[in-house]
Amino acid sequence: MFPIRDVNENVRQPIATFILIGLNVAAWLLVQGLGTAEPLAKSLCEYALIPGELLGKAPLGAIIPIGQNMGCQLEQGSLFTLLTHQFLHGGWFHIIANMWFLWVFGDNVEDVMGPVRFVIFYLTCGLAAAAAQILTNPGALVPMVGASGAIGGVLGAYVRLYPRAQIITAIFLGFFYTTVSLPAIAMLGYWFFLQLAGGLPALQGAGGGVAFWAHIGGFIAGLVLVMPMHRPDFLAQHRARNAY
């Protein structure tokens, strides 16, 4: 299932959501060279989160392969990568899917927080997502990139705020697809189930390079943090405009 749009009108313009999408796109263009081999590899080596490197569980100077005839030489881990990895992506589908989810769901979460609180919430969920992934595999040497953990937090907040909001969803059946309207709790509950289904085998080393526990950690952080981070007056205005 893939969300097309939600039926949930804003009261305010999603300024922070626009800015976050712009920063991700700018990083993809200016830092990662639109995914071309050398800039992409360099960005992974310098700005991705590598748990084993950050925690000092891998020998300094070791080379980890990241592509054909390319590798990263491990150095002293930097806490800065806990932030920078959130704005990098591994490919075109990765960034397009992440930015689409942020666009569909981020504006409504921002609407009840305001732009400053939303940015703090978003980055905090990204940090929680990174922590969850590190805890499940602290010695991992696979570079971790992507906004998925922070966006998982946005999804957690959305489903808690608007469980009955309707999501126009594409359902793919082989070469055919159809669209249906589903409540957010069904569509995003299914998304969370997929993360758990992938995350449990990942604990045994069968994750296939997908940071499932970052998605799970971000989602749970969003569920928890949305209540102290939102403004009740903004939520009342939003709900007055929408009937679920």
C-alpha atoms as a PDB file:
ATOM      1  CA  MET A   1       0.000   0.000   0.000  1.00  0.00           C
ATOM      2  CA  PHE A   2       1.216   3.481  -0.823  1.00  0.00           C
ATOM      3  CA  PRO A   3      -0.416   6.739   0.352  1.00  0.00           C
ATOM      4  CA  ILE A   4      -1.489   9.161  -2.364  1.00  0.00           C
ATOM      5  CA  ARG A   5      -2.921  11.926  -0.184  1.00  0.00           C
ATOM      6  CA  ASP A   6      -4.887  12.454   2.996  1.00  0.00           C
ATOM      7  CA  VAL A   7      -8.265  14.114   3.471  1.00  0.00           C
ATOM      8  CA  ASN A   8      -7.140  16.434   6.235  1.00  0.00           C
ATOM      9  CA  GLU A   9      -7.041  20.208   5.698  1.00  0.00           C
ATOM     10  CA  ASN A  10      -4.463  22.480   7.305  1.00  0.00           C
ATOM     11  CA  VAL A  11      -5.114  25.699   9.147  1.00  0.00           C
ATOM     12  CA  ARG A  12      -1.547  26.982   8.651  1.00  0.00           C
ATOM     13  CA  GLN A  13       1.005  26.731   5.854  1.00  0.00           C
ATOM     14  CA  PRO A  14       3.510  23.882   6.462  1.00  0.00           C
ATOM     15  CA  ILE A  15       6.612  26.091   6.360  1.00  0.00           C
ATOM     16  CA  ALA A  16       8.895  23.697   8.240  1.00  0.00           C
ATOM     17  CA  THR A  17       7.796  20.737   6.131  1.00  0.00           C
ATOM     18  CA  PHE A  18       8.719  22.673   2.983  1.00  0.00           C
ATOM     19  CA  ILE A  19      12.111  23.551   4.483  1.00  0.00           C
ATOM     20  CA  LEU A  20      12.893  19.982   5.566  1.00  0.00           C
ATOM     21  CA  ILE A  21      12.007  18.631   2.131  1.00  0.00           C
ATOM     22  CA  GLY A  22      14.160  21.359   0.570  1.00  0.00           C
ATOM     23  CA  LEU A  23      17.135  20.486   2.781  1.00  0.00           C
ATOM     24  CA  ASN A  24      16.886  16.802   1.879  1.00  0.00           C
ATOM     25  CA  VAL A  25      16.662  17.587  -1.826  1.00  0.00           C
ATOM     26  CA  ALA A  26      19.562  20.055  -1.555  1.00  0.00           C
ATOM     27  CA  ALA A  27      21.708  17.406   0.141  1.00  0.00           C
ATOM     28  CA  TRP A  28      20.829  14.902  -2.589  1.00  0.00           C
ATOM     29  CA  LEU A  29      21.799  17.431  -5.265  1.00  0.00           C
ATOM     30  CA  LEU A  30      24.773  19.266  -3.765  1.00  0.00           C
ATOM     31  CA  VAL A  31      26.344  16.677  -1.445  1.00  0.00           C
ATOM     32  CA  GLN A  32      25.392  13.383  -3.069  1.00  0.00           C
ATOM     33  CA  GLY A  33      25.543  14.445  -6.711  1.00  0.00           C
ATOM     34  CA  LEU A  34      22.063  13.094  -7.503  1.00  0.00           C
ATOM     35  CA  GLY A  35      23.281   9.613  -6.631  1.00  0.00           C
ATOM     36  CA  THR A  36      26.275   9.455  -8.982  1.00  0.00           C
ATOM     37  CA  ALA A  37      28.878   6.970  -7.774  1.00  0.00           C
ATOM     38  CA  GLU A  38      31.728   9.070  -6.384  1.00  0.00           C
ATOM     39  CA  PRO A  39      29.732  11.847  -4.625  1.00  0.00           C
ATOM     40  CA  LEU A  40      27.349   9.247  -3.207  1.00  0.00           C
ATOM     41  CA  ALA A  41      30.227   7.146  -1.875  1.00  0.00           C
ATOM     42  CA  LYS A  42      31.986  10.189  -0.427  1.00  0.00           C
ATOM     43  CA  SER A  43      28.803  11.323   1.336  1.00  0.00           C
ATOM     44  CA  LEU A  44      28.357   7.882   2.889  1.00  0.00           C
ATOM     45  CA  CYS A  45      31.923   7.819   4.168  1.00  0.00           C
ATOM     46  CA  GLU A  46      31.856  11.341   5.609  1.00  0.00           C
ATOM     47  CA  TYR A  47      28.299  11.905   6.809  1.00  0.00           C
ATOM     48  CA  ALA A  48      26.514   8.548   7.201  1.00  0.00           C
ATOM     49  CA  LEU A  49      26.017   6.975  10.613  1.00  0.00           C
ATOM     50  CA  ILE A  50      28.153   3.848  11.064  1.00  0.00           C
ATOM     51  CA  PRO A  51      27.358   2.401  14.515  1.00  0.00           C
ATOM     52  CA  GLY A  52      30.572   0.371  14.813  1.00  0.00           C
ATOM     53  CA  GLU A  53      32.646   3.443  13.937  1.00  0.00           C
ATOM     54  CA  LEU A  54      30.703   5.768  16.260  1.00  0.00           C
ATOM     55  CA  LEU A  55      31.050   3.415  19.233  1.00  0.00           C
ATOM     56  CA  GLY A  56      34.640   2.482  18.506  1.00  0.00           C
ATOM     57  CA  LYS A  57      33.833  -1.192  17.959  1.00  0.00           C
ATOM     58  CA  ALA A  58      35.791  -1.415  14.702  1.00  0.00           C
ATOM     59  CA  PRO A  59      39.546  -0.890  14.250  1.00  0.00           C
ATOM     60  CA  LEU A  60      40.587   2.526  13.002  1.00  0.00           C
ATOM     61  CA  GLY A  61      41.798   2.422   9.429  1.00  0.00           C
ATOM     62  CA  ALA A  62      39.722  -0.607   8.463  1.00  0.00           C
ATOM     63  CA  ILE A  63      38.138  -0.435   5.021  1.00  0.00           C
ATOM     64  CA  ILE A  64      34.463  -1.270   4.543  1.00  0.00           C
ATOM     65  CA  PRO A  65      33.218  -1.802   0.972  1.00  0.00           C
ATOM     66  CA  ILE A  66      30.368   0.442  -0.182  1.00  0.00           C
ATOM     67  CA  GLY A  67      30.372  -0.205  -3.909  1.00  0.00           C
ATOM     68  CA  GLN A  68      32.364  -1.527  -6.814  1.00  0.00           C
ATOM     69  CA  ASN A  69      36.040  -0.710  -6.165  1.00  0.00           C
ATOM     70  CA  MET A  70      35.063   1.779  -3.431  1.00  0.00           C
ATOM     71  CA  GLY A  71      35.197   1.692   0.329  1.00  0.00           C
ATOM     72  CA  CYS A  72      35.217   3.811   3.478  1.00  0.00           C
ATOM     73  CA  GLN A  73      38.219   3.968   5.782  1.00  0.00           C
ATOM     74  CA  LEU A  74      36.997   3.989   9.360  1.00  0.00           C
ATOM     75  CA  GLU A  75      38.066   6.943  11.473  1.00  0.00           C
ATOM     76  CA  GLN A  76      37.169   8.324  14.884  1.00  0.00           C
ATOM     77  CA  GLY A  77      33.368   8.334  15.040  1.00  0.00           C
ATOM     78  CA  SER A  78      31.607  11.706  15.143  1.00  0.00           C
ATOM     79  CA  LEU A  79      28.376  12.459  17.010  1.00  0.00           C
ATOM     80  CA  PHE A  80      27.641  14.894  14.189  1.00  0.00           C
ATOM     81  CA  THR A  81      26.647  11.939  12.000  1.00  0.00           C
ATOM     82  CA  LEU A  82      23.621  11.368  14.271  1.00  0.00           C
ATOM     83  CA  LEU A  83      22.244  14.497  12.604  1.00  0.00           C
ATOM     84  CA  THR A  84      23.780  14.489   9.127  1.00  0.00           C
ATOM     85  CA  HIS A  85      22.672  10.950   8.253  1.00  0.00           C
ATOM     86  CA  GLN A  86      19.056  12.102   8.499  1.00  0.00           C
ATOM     87  CA  PHE A  87      19.454  14.262   5.367  1.00  0.00           C
ATOM     88  CA  LEU A  88      21.217  11.710   3.142  1.00  0.00           C
ATOM     89  CA  HIS A  89      19.714   8.963   0.976  1.00  0.00           C
ATOM     90  CA  GLY A  90      20.901   5.880  -0.819  1.00  0.00           C
ATOM     91  CA  GLY A  91      19.083   6.208  -4.138  1.00  0.00           C
ATOM     92  CA  TRP A  92      16.320   7.903  -6.104  1.00  0.00           C
ATOM     93  CA  PHE A  93      13.510   5.685  -4.820  1.00  0.00           C
ATOM     94  CA  HIS A  94      14.731   6.168  -1.249  1.00  0.00           C
ATOM     95  CA  ILE A  95      14.548   9.960  -1.333  1.00  0.00           C
ATOM     96  CA  ILE A  96      11.352  10.152  -3.416  1.00  0.00           C
ATOM     97  CA  ALA A  97       9.463   7.760  -1.118  1.00  0.00           C
ATOM     98  CA  ASN A  98      10.684   9.498   2.036  1.00  0.00           C
ATOM     99  CA  MET A  99       9.859  12.991   0.805  1.00  0.00           C
ATOM    100  CA  TRP A 100       6.436  11.842  -0.376  1.00  0.00           C
ATOM    101  CA  PHE A 101       5.585  10.419   3.057  1.00  0.00           C
ATOM    102  CA  LEU A 102       6.861  13.605   4.698  1.00  0.00           C
ATOM    103  CA  TRP A 103       4.723  15.706   2.371  1.00  0.00           C
ATOM    104  CA  VAL A 104       1.537  13.654   2.890  1.00  0.00           C
ATOM    105  CA  PHE A 105       1.756  13.410   6.687  1.00  0.00           C
ATOM    106  CA  GLY A 106       4.148  16.113   7.879  1.00  0.00           C
ATOM    107  CA  ASP A 107       1.985  19.134   7.113  1.00  0.00           C
ATOM    108  CA  ASN A 108      -0.829  18.030   9.429  1.00  0.00           C
ATOM    109  CA  VAL A 109       1.537  17.234  12.294  1.00  0.00           C
ATOM    110  CA  GLU A 110       3.246  20.593  11.855  1.00  0.00           C
ATOM    111  CA  ASP A 111      -0.185  22.239  11.841  1.00  0.00           C
ATOM    112  CA  VAL A 112      -0.718  21.384  15.530  1.00  0.00           C
ATOM    113  CA  MET A 113       2.854  22.116  16.643  1.00  0.00           C
ATOM    114  CA  GLY A 114       3.947  25.155  14.685  1.00  0.00           C
ATOM    115  CA  PRO A 115       7.152  25.171  12.628  1.00  0.00           C
ATOM    116  CA  VAL A 116       9.739  25.497  15.412  1.00  0.00           C
ATOM    117  CA  ARG A 117       8.295  22.749  17.592  1.00  0.00           C
ATOM    118  CA  PHE A 118       7.846  20.547  14.546  1.00  0.00           C
ATOM    119  CA  VAL A 119      11.522  20.804  13.550  1.00  0.00           C
ATOM    120  CA  ILE A 120      12.598  19.974  17.116  1.00  0.00           C
ATOM    121  CA  PHE A 121      10.146  17.059  17.165  1.00  0.00           C
ATOM    122  CA  TYR A 122      11.322  15.796  13.766  1.00  0.00           C
ATOM    123  CA  LEU A 123      15.030  15.855  14.628  1.00  0.00           C
ATOM    124  CA  THR A 124      14.421  14.307  18.045  1.00  0.00           C
ATOM    125  CA  CYS A 125      12.524  11.426  16.454  1.00  0.00           C
ATOM    126  CA  GLY A 126      15.444  10.995  14.064  1.00  0.00           C
ATOM    127  CA  LEU A 127      17.828  10.739  17.014  1.00  0.00           C
ATOM    128  CA  ALA A 128      15.548   8.227  18.744  1.00  0.00           C
ATOM    129  CA  ALA A 129      15.429   6.206  15.535  1.00  0.00           C
ATOM    130  CA  ALA A 130      19.222   6.164  15.306  1.00  0.00           C
ATOM    131  CA  ALA A 131      19.473   5.099  18.953  1.00  0.00           C
ATOM    132  CA  ALA A 132      17.060   2.217  18.367  1.00  0.00           C
ATOM    133  CA  GLN A 133      19.041   0.988  15.362  1.00  0.00           C
ATOM    134  CA  ILE A 134      22.357   1.276  17.220  1.00  0.00           C
ATOM    135  CA  LEU A 135      21.011  -0.639  20.219  1.00  0.00           C
ATOM    136  CA  THR A 136      19.929  -3.544  18.028  1.00  0.00           C
ATOM    137  CA  ASN A 137      23.299  -3.787  16.260  1.00  0.00           C
ATOM    138  CA  PRO A 138      25.980  -1.638  17.926  1.00  0.00           C
ATOM    139  CA  GLY A 139      28.814  -3.132  15.897  1.00  0.00           C
ATOM    140  CA  ALA A 140      27.210  -2.629  12.489  1.00  0.00           C
ATOM    141  CA  LEU A 141      29.508  -1.331   9.756  1.00  0.00           C
ATOM    142  CA  VAL A 142      26.820  -0.654   7.151  1.00  0.00           C
ATOM    143  CA  PRO A 143      26.467   3.124   6.634  1.00  0.00           C
ATOM    144  CA  MET A 144      23.009   4.240   7.776  1.00  0.00           C
ATOM    145  CA  VAL A 145      21.346   7.098   5.884  1.00  0.00           C
ATOM    146  CA  GLY A 146      17.854   8.407   5.360  1.00  0.00           C
ATOM    147  CA  ALA A 147      15.064  10.488   6.809  1.00  0.00           C
ATOM    148  CA  SER A 148      12.968   7.355   7.389  1.00  0.00           C
ATOM    149  CA  GLY A 149      13.453   7.298  11.162  1.00  0.00           C
ATOM    150  CA  ALA A 150      12.409  10.922  11.609  1.00  0.00           C
ATOM    151  CA  ILE A 151       9.498  10.407   9.220  1.00  0.00           C
ATOM    152  CA  GLY A 152       8.534   7.315  11.216  1.00  0.00           C
ATOM    153  CA  GLY A 153       8.109   9.718  14.118  1.00  0.00           C
ATOM    154  CA  VAL A 154       5.841  11.889  11.979  1.00  0.00           C
ATOM    155  CA  LEU A 155       3.730   8.819  11.156  1.00  0.00           C
ATOM    156  CA  GLY A 156       3.482   7.903  14.834  1.00  0.00           C
ATOM    157  CA  ALA A 157       2.341  11.417  15.675  1.00  0.00           C
ATOM    158  CA  TYR A 158      -0.155  11.450  12.812  1.00  0.00           C
ATOM    159  CA  VAL A 159      -1.833   8.193  13.798  1.00  0.00           C
ATOM    160  CA  ARG A 160      -2.176   9.363  17.397  1.00  0.00           C
ATOM    161  CA  LEU A 161      -3.592  12.757  16.425  1.00  0.00           C
ATOM    162  CA  TYR A 162      -5.811  11.684  13.525  1.00  0.00           C
ATOM    163  CA  PRO A 163      -6.524   7.936  13.733  1.00  0.00           C
ATOM    164  CA  ARG A 164      -9.736   8.288  11.715  1.00  0.00           C
ATOM    165  CA  ALA A 165      -8.435  10.692   9.051  1.00  0.00           C
ATOM    166  CA  GLN A 166      -8.935   9.172   5.610  1.00  0.00           C
ATOM    167  CA  ILE A 167      -5.869   8.288   3.532  1.00  0.00           C
ATOM    168  CA  ILE A 168      -6.361   7.795  -0.204  1.00  0.00           C
ATOM    169  CA  THR A 169      -4.172   4.742  -0.729  1.00  0.00           C
ATOM    170  CA  ALA A 170      -2.920   2.889  -3.804  1.00  0.00           C
ATOM    171  CA  ILE A 171      -2.987  -0.885  -3.446  1.00  0.00           C
ATOM    172  CA  PHE A 172      -0.812  -2.771  -5.930  1.00  0.00           C
ATOM    173  CA  LEU A 173      -1.819  -6.247  -7.106  1.00  0.00           C
ATOM    174  CA  GLY A 174       0.916  -7.399  -9.435  1.00  0.00           C
ATOM    175  CA  PHE A 175       0.668  -5.256 -12.570  1.00  0.00           C
ATOM    176  CA  PHE A 176      -2.680  -3.834 -11.488  1.00  0.00           C
ATOM    177  CA  TYR A 177      -3.554  -1.371  -8.783  1.00  0.00           C
ATOM    178  CA  THR A 178      -6.595   0.244  -7.271  1.00  0.00           C
ATOM    179  CA  THR A 179      -7.210   3.083  -4.837  1.00  0.00           C
ATOM    180  CA  VAL A 180      -9.159   2.939  -1.610  1.00  0.00           C
ATOM    181  CA  SER A 181      -9.831   5.306   1.261  1.00  0.00           C
ATOM    182  CA  LEU A 182      -8.528   3.939   4.563  1.00  0.00           C
ATOM    183  CA  PRO A 183      -8.442   5.413   8.070  1.00  0.00           C
ATOM    184  CA  ALA A 184      -4.954   6.426   9.129  1.00  0.00           C
ATOM    185  CA  ILE A 185      -4.880   3.825  11.886  1.00  0.00           C
ATOM    186  CA  ALA A 186      -5.350   1.057   9.296  1.00  0.00           C
ATOM    187  CA  MET A 187      -2.892   2.346   6.704  1.00  0.00           C
ATOM    188  CA  LEU A 188      -0.159   3.331   9.172  1.00  0.00           C
ATOM    189  CA  GLY A 189      -0.826   0.331  11.388  1.00  0.00           C
ATOM    190  CA  TYR A 190      -0.094  -1.837   8.351  1.00  0.00           C
ATOM    191  CA  TRP A 191       3.117   0.139   7.739  1.00  0.00           C
ATOM    192  CA  PHE A 192       4.202  -0.438  11.348  1.00  0.00           C
ATOM    193  CA  PHE A 193       3.416  -4.153  11.062  1.00  0.00           C
ATOM    194  CA  LEU A 194       5.719  -4.371   8.027  1.00  0.00           C
ATOM    195  CA  GLN A 195       8.529  -2.766  10.010  1.00  0.00           C
ATOM    196  CA  LEU A 196       8.095  -5.284  12.834  1.00  0.00           C
ATOM    197  CA  ALA A 197       7.961  -8.137  10.331  1.00  0.00           C
ATOM    198  CA  GLY A 198      11.279  -6.979   8.895  1.00  0.00           C
ATOM    199  CA  GLY A 199      12.809  -5.926  12.207  1.00  0.00           C
ATOM    200  CA  LEU A 200      12.486  -9.209  14.060  1.00  0.00           C
ATOM    201  CA  PRO A 201      14.534 -11.197  11.501  1.00  0.00           C
ATOM    202  CA  ALA A 202      16.992  -8.280  11.397  1.00  0.00           C
ATOM    203  CA  LEU A 203      17.855  -9.032  15.022  1.00  0.00           C
ATOM    204  CA  GLN A 204      19.343 -12.270  13.706  1.00  0.00           C
ATOM    205  CA  GLY A 205      21.295 -10.465  11.004  1.00  0.00           C
ATOM    206  CA  ALA A 206      18.762 -10.929   8.194  1.00  0.00           C
ATOM    207  CA  GLY A 207      17.711  -7.303   7.679  1.00  0.00           C
ATOM    208  CA  GLY A 208      18.985  -6.933   4.112  1.00  0.00           C
ATOM    209  CA  GLY A 209      20.456  -3.486   4.841  1.00  0.00           C
ATOM    210  CA  VAL A 210      17.118  -1.871   5.755  1.00  0.00           C
ATOM    211  CA  ALA A 211      17.137  -0.035   9.109  1.00  0.00           C
ATOM    212  CA  PHE A 212      13.810  -1.465  10.307  1.00  0.00           C
ATOM    213  CA  TRP A 213      14.501  -0.699  13.955  1.00  0.00           C
ATOM    214  CA  ALA A 214      15.171   2.933  13.119  1.00  0.00           C
ATOM    215  CA  HIS A 215      11.683   3.067  11.597  1.00  0.00           C
ATOM    216  CA  ILE A 216      10.207   1.355  14.659  1.00  0.00           C
ATOM    217  CA  GLY A 217      12.101   3.554  17.122  1.00  0.00           C
ATOM    218  CA  GLY A 218      11.108   6.719  15.290  1.00  0.00           C
ATOM    219  CA  PHE A 219       7.443   5.681  15.151  1.00  0.00           C
ATOM    220  CA  ILE A 220       7.310   4.947  18.892  1.00  0.00           C
ATOM    221  CA  ALA A 221       9.107   8.206  19.680  1.00  0.00           C
ATOM    222  CA  GLY A 222       6.505  10.062  17.616  1.00  0.00           C
ATOM    223  CA  LEU A 223       3.651   8.375  19.457  1.00  0.00           C
ATOM    224  CA  VAL A 224       5.122   9.477  22.785  1.00  0.00           C
ATOM    225  CA  LEU A 225       6.492  12.934  21.961  1.00  0.00           C
ATOM    226  CA  VAL A 226       3.504  14.275  20.052  1.00  0.00           C
ATOM    227  CA  MET A 227       1.474  14.904  23.191  1.00  0.00           C
ATOM    228  CA  PRO A 228       3.964  17.174  25.018  1.00  0.00           C
ATOM    229  CA  MET A 229       5.078  18.803  21.745  1.00  0.00           C
ATOM    230  CA  HIS A 230       1.732  19.791  20.213  1.00  0.00           C
ATOM    231  CA  ARG A 231      -0.223  22.933  21.080  1.00  0.00           C
ATOM    232  CA  PRO A 232      -3.767  22.128  22.279  1.00  0.00           C
ATOM    233  CA  ASP A 233      -5.106  25.402  20.852  1.00  0.00           C
ATOM    234  CA  PHE A 234      -3.668  24.570  17.413  1.00  0.00           C
ATOM    235  CA  LEU A 235      -5.130  21.047  17.610  1.00  0.00           C
ATOM    236  CA  ALA A 236      -8.558  22.457  18.479  1.00  0.00           C
ATOM    237  CA  GLN A 237      -8.401  24.777  15.448  1.00  0.00           C
ATOM    238  CA  HIS A 238      -7.374  21.898  13.203  1.00  0.00           C
ATOM    239  CA  ARG A 239     -10.141  19.608  14.421  1.00  0.00           C
ATOM    240  CA  ALA A 240     -12.693  22.392  14.028  1.00  0.00           C
ATOM    241  CA  ARG A 241     -11.862  22.477  10.314  1.00  0.00           C
ATOM    242  CA  ASN A 242     -11.939  18.697   9.852  1.00  0.00           C
ATOM    243  CA  ALA A 243     -14.554  16.105  10.792  1.00  0.00           C
ATOM    244  CA  TYR A 244     -13.423  12.505  10.946  1.00  0.00           C
END
